[in-house]
Amino acid sequence: MAIRAVCFDFDGLMFNTEHVFYDAAEVLLGRRQIPMSKGAMDSMLGRRPPESFYSLVSYLGIDEDPLELLAESRLIFADLLDGRLQPMPGLFELLDHVEHLQLPKGVATSSPREYLDELLDRYGLKDRFAVTLTAEDVTHGKPHPEIYLTAASRMGVTAPEMLVLEDSQTGTKAGVSAGACVVSVPHDHTADHCFEGAAHIASGLDDPRIRTLLAG
């Protein structure tokens, strides 16, 4: 089926924020003499923030309030972000290409609205998306398909007509469950994730296969 819209995940897909988050979590757990690990990161990736920290506490088996850990982590993350935030390679070129094709674009993220808007504004990107959906806009977070079904509806297409770009197993499962055409774009922290159901596992946002799919 021809692609008539494109929906981007945000963290780890458009920007390197998952890398910054790993560093923040390393500081957070280091204060408690707990080593940060890939398993801990995997337990959190792709989920809405409260769900991520409940999952982390469960994974580590520690006696901590997940919401207090979340609040502390956000302060650490904010301190690190300015010096480390970078767009993922190929992002702006892909956005330009999608606009050249005159396809509507959306963002569907598990992160909060205020955070998404702030980072999009830093790079003048907010007005380039027809739809932005965040943690507050859905009842069920990823891997539930709700956010991608909503994104397709708001862009006036069916899910199979929408290309979803995701970096994690959790997000890929959400897109696949929605019935979208999913391209998974792993990074260092997700390279060994299961991307079952994805139409393609890309080497980056500049992978030629993405443009091939967009061309039908």
Protein backbone atom coordinates (compact mmCIF):
# COMPACT_ATOMS: atom_id res chain seq x y z
CA MET A 1 0.00 0.00 0.00
CA ALA A 2 1.30 3.47 -0.87
CA ILE A 3 2.66 5.56 2.00
CA ARG A 4 0.55 8.68 2.55
CA ALA A 5 1.95 9.93 5.90
CA VAL A 6 5.02 9.52 8.10
CA CYS A 7 5.14 9.34 11.89
CA PHE A 8 8.37 9.72 13.84
CA ASP A 9 9.17 8.51 17.32
CA PHE A 10 11.25 11.12 19.16
CA ASP A 11 13.77 9.98 21.77
CA GLY A 12 16.61 8.02 20.21
CA LEU A 13 15.07 8.37 16.76
CA MET A 14 15.14 12.11 16.05
CA PHE A 15 17.59 13.10 18.78
CA ASN A 16 20.24 11.34 20.86
CA THR A 17 18.27 11.83 24.05
CA GLU A 18 18.34 8.11 24.93
CA HIS A 19 22.12 8.37 25.16
CA VAL A 20 21.78 11.39 27.46
CA PHE A 21 19.16 9.56 29.49
CA TYR A 22 21.51 6.59 29.96
CA ASP A 23 24.14 8.96 31.34
CA ALA A 24 21.57 10.55 33.66
CA ALA A 25 20.42 7.14 34.90
CA GLU A 26 24.05 6.20 35.49
CA VAL A 27 24.43 9.24 37.77
CA LEU A 28 21.09 8.53 39.47
CA LEU A 29 21.92 4.91 40.27
CA GLY A 30 25.54 5.74 41.08
CA ARG A 31 24.29 7.86 43.98
CA ARG A 32 22.86 4.60 45.33
CA GLN A 33 25.93 2.49 44.58
CA ILE A 34 24.00 0.61 41.87
CA PRO A 35 25.67 0.14 38.48
CA MET A 36 23.70 1.20 35.43
CA SER A 37 23.31 -1.65 32.94
CA LYS A 38 21.90 -2.48 29.55
CA GLY A 39 19.22 -4.58 31.22
CA ALA A 40 18.11 -1.61 33.30
CA MET A 41 17.99 0.56 30.18
CA ASP A 42 16.02 -2.05 28.24
CA SER A 43 13.44 -2.22 31.02
CA MET A 44 12.67 1.48 30.49
CA LEU A 45 13.06 2.16 26.78
CA GLY A 46 10.03 3.33 24.83
CA ARG A 47 7.69 3.66 27.81
CA ARG A 48 6.07 6.73 29.33
CA PRO A 49 8.22 8.17 32.17
CA PRO A 50 6.26 6.89 35.20
CA GLU A 51 5.94 3.45 33.61
CA SER A 52 9.66 3.47 32.85
CA PHE A 53 10.60 4.07 36.46
CA TYR A 54 8.15 1.54 37.84
CA SER A 55 9.72 -0.92 35.42
CA LEU A 56 13.22 0.09 36.54
CA VAL A 57 12.43 -0.38 40.24
CA SER A 58 10.92 -3.78 39.48
CA TYR A 59 13.91 -4.80 37.37
CA LEU A 60 16.42 -3.78 40.05
CA GLY A 61 14.33 -5.03 42.96
CA ILE A 62 15.05 -1.92 45.00
CA ASP A 63 13.03 -0.22 47.72
CA GLU A 64 12.64 3.21 46.11
CA ASP A 65 9.67 5.34 45.11
CA PRO A 66 9.62 5.28 41.29
CA LEU A 67 8.15 8.77 41.06
CA GLU A 68 10.83 10.22 43.34
CA LEU A 69 13.48 8.58 41.16
CA LEU A 70 11.80 10.08 38.09
CA ALA A 71 11.86 13.58 39.58
CA GLU A 72 15.53 13.26 40.54
CA SER A 73 16.40 11.85 37.13
CA ARG A 74 14.75 14.78 35.35
CA LEU A 75 16.98 17.24 37.21
CA ILE A 76 20.11 15.29 36.28
CA PHE A 77 18.95 14.95 32.66
CA ALA A 78 18.32 18.70 32.37
CA ASP A 79 21.82 19.45 33.67
CA LEU A 80 23.37 17.16 31.05
CA LEU A 81 21.19 17.96 28.07
CA ASP A 82 22.52 21.33 26.89
CA GLY A 83 26.03 20.05 26.40
CA ARG A 84 25.08 16.73 24.81
CA LEU A 85 21.90 17.12 22.75
CA GLN A 86 22.35 16.34 19.06
CA PRO A 87 20.02 15.46 16.18
CA MET A 88 20.44 11.94 14.84
CA PRO A 89 22.33 11.78 11.52
CA GLY A 90 20.11 12.25 8.49
CA LEU A 91 17.17 13.78 10.39
CA PHE A 92 16.92 17.11 8.60
CA GLU A 93 17.55 15.60 5.18
CA LEU A 94 14.75 13.09 5.73
CA LEU A 95 12.35 15.80 6.93
CA ASP A 96 13.14 17.82 3.80
CA HIS A 97 12.53 14.77 1.61
CA VAL A 98 9.17 13.97 3.21
CA GLU A 99 8.12 17.59 2.72
CA HIS A 100 9.26 17.44 -0.91
CA LEU A 101 6.88 14.49 -1.32
CA GLN A 102 4.14 16.61 0.32
CA LEU A 103 3.36 13.93 2.90
CA PRO A 104 2.01 14.94 6.33
CA LYS A 105 4.36 14.27 9.22
CA GLY A 106 3.69 13.45 12.85
CA VAL A 107 5.55 12.75 16.07
CA ALA A 108 4.33 10.08 18.48
CA THR A 109 6.38 9.92 21.66
CA SER A 110 6.08 8.44 25.13
CA SER A 111 7.62 11.62 26.55
CA PRO A 112 5.63 14.53 28.07
CA ARG A 113 4.23 17.42 26.02
CA GLU A 114 6.30 20.16 27.66
CA TYR A 115 9.53 18.27 27.01
CA LEU A 116 8.70 17.54 23.36
CA ASP A 117 7.66 21.10 22.61
CA GLU A 118 10.79 22.52 24.22
CA LEU A 119 13.17 20.35 22.21
CA LEU A 120 11.31 20.81 18.92
CA ASP A 121 11.38 24.57 19.48
CA ARG A 122 15.14 24.51 20.01
CA TYR A 123 15.56 23.39 16.42
CA GLY A 124 12.60 25.22 14.89
CA LEU A 125 10.82 21.96 14.15
CA LYS A 126 7.46 22.30 15.90
CA ASP A 127 5.63 23.86 12.95
CA ARG A 128 6.94 21.21 10.55
CA PHE A 129 4.66 18.51 12.00
CA ALA A 130 0.95 18.28 11.35
CA VAL A 131 0.41 16.16 14.46
CA THR A 132 2.34 15.73 17.71
CA LEU A 133 1.20 13.14 20.24
CA THR A 134 2.72 12.70 23.69
CA ALA A 135 2.28 10.70 26.89
CA GLU A 136 -0.66 12.87 27.94
CA ASP A 137 -2.59 12.27 24.71
CA VAL A 138 -3.21 8.54 25.12
CA THR A 139 -4.70 6.23 27.70
CA HIS A 140 -2.32 3.39 26.94
CA GLY A 141 1.40 3.89 26.37
CA LYS A 142 3.60 1.96 23.96
CA PRO A 143 3.77 -0.99 23.22
CA HIS A 144 -0.02 -0.51 22.99
CA PRO A 145 -0.91 0.67 19.45
CA GLU A 146 -3.17 3.53 20.58
CA ILE A 147 -0.72 6.35 19.88
CA TYR A 148 -0.08 5.23 16.30
CA LEU A 149 -3.74 4.56 15.56
CA THR A 150 -4.48 8.08 16.82
CA ALA A 151 -1.67 9.57 14.73
CA ALA A 152 -2.98 7.92 11.56
CA SER A 153 -6.51 9.10 12.24
CA ARG A 154 -5.43 12.69 12.85
CA MET A 155 -3.37 12.74 9.65
CA GLY A 156 -6.35 11.40 7.69
CA VAL A 157 -4.85 8.07 6.66
CA THR A 158 -5.28 4.43 7.60
CA ALA A 159 -2.53 2.83 9.67
CA PRO A 160 -1.22 0.70 6.75
CA GLU A 161 -0.76 3.92 4.75
CA MET A 162 1.52 5.39 7.44
CA LEU A 163 5.26 4.85 7.70
CA VAL A 164 6.37 4.68 11.35
CA LEU A 165 10.01 5.25 12.27
CA GLU A 166 11.03 3.77 15.62
CA ASP A 167 14.25 3.04 17.50
CA SER A 168 13.14 0.50 20.14
CA GLN A 169 11.46 -2.86 20.51
CA THR A 170 8.64 -1.29 22.51
CA GLY A 171 7.90 1.35 19.88
CA THR A 172 8.25 -1.09 17.00
CA LYS A 173 5.70 -3.38 18.63
CA ALA A 174 3.29 -0.43 18.99
CA GLY A 175 3.59 0.48 15.32
CA VAL A 176 3.32 -3.09 14.10
CA SER A 177 0.30 -3.74 16.34
CA ALA A 178 -1.37 -0.66 14.87
CA GLY A 179 -0.93 -2.14 11.40
CA ALA A 180 1.50 0.54 10.21
CA CYS A 181 4.48 0.04 7.94
CA VAL A 182 7.33 0.21 10.48
CA VAL A 183 11.01 0.88 9.88
CA SER A 184 13.14 0.29 12.95
CA VAL A 185 16.24 2.47 13.27
CA PRO A 186 18.37 1.03 16.12
CA HIS A 187 21.11 2.89 17.95
CA ASP A 188 23.79 1.76 20.40
CA HIS A 189 21.29 0.99 23.16
CA THR A 190 18.77 -0.87 21.00
CA ALA A 191 20.88 -2.69 18.43
CA ASP A 192 20.04 -6.11 19.90
CA HIS A 193 16.31 -5.46 20.37
CA CYS A 194 13.69 -7.63 18.68
CA PHE A 195 12.12 -5.75 15.77
CA GLU A 196 9.70 -8.45 14.73
CA GLY A 197 7.18 -7.27 12.17
CA ALA A 198 9.23 -4.31 10.95
CA ALA A 199 9.31 -3.84 7.19
CA HIS A 200 13.01 -2.94 7.42
CA ILE A 201 15.75 -2.48 10.01
CA ALA A 202 17.61 0.63 8.90
CA SER A 203 21.21 1.64 9.39
CA GLY A 204 20.09 5.20 10.14
CA LEU A 205 17.66 7.88 9.04
CA ASP A 206 19.73 8.22 5.88
CA ASP A 207 19.20 4.56 4.92
CA PRO A 208 18.17 4.54 1.21
CA ARG A 209 15.50 1.89 1.92
CA ILE A 210 13.42 4.51 3.77
CA ARG A 211 13.22 6.64 0.64
CA THR A 212 12.37 3.56 -1.40
CA LEU A 213 9.42 2.81 0.86
CA LEU A 214 8.27 6.42 0.67
CA ALA A 215 8.39 6.20 -3.13
CA GLY A 216 6.12 3.15 -3.06
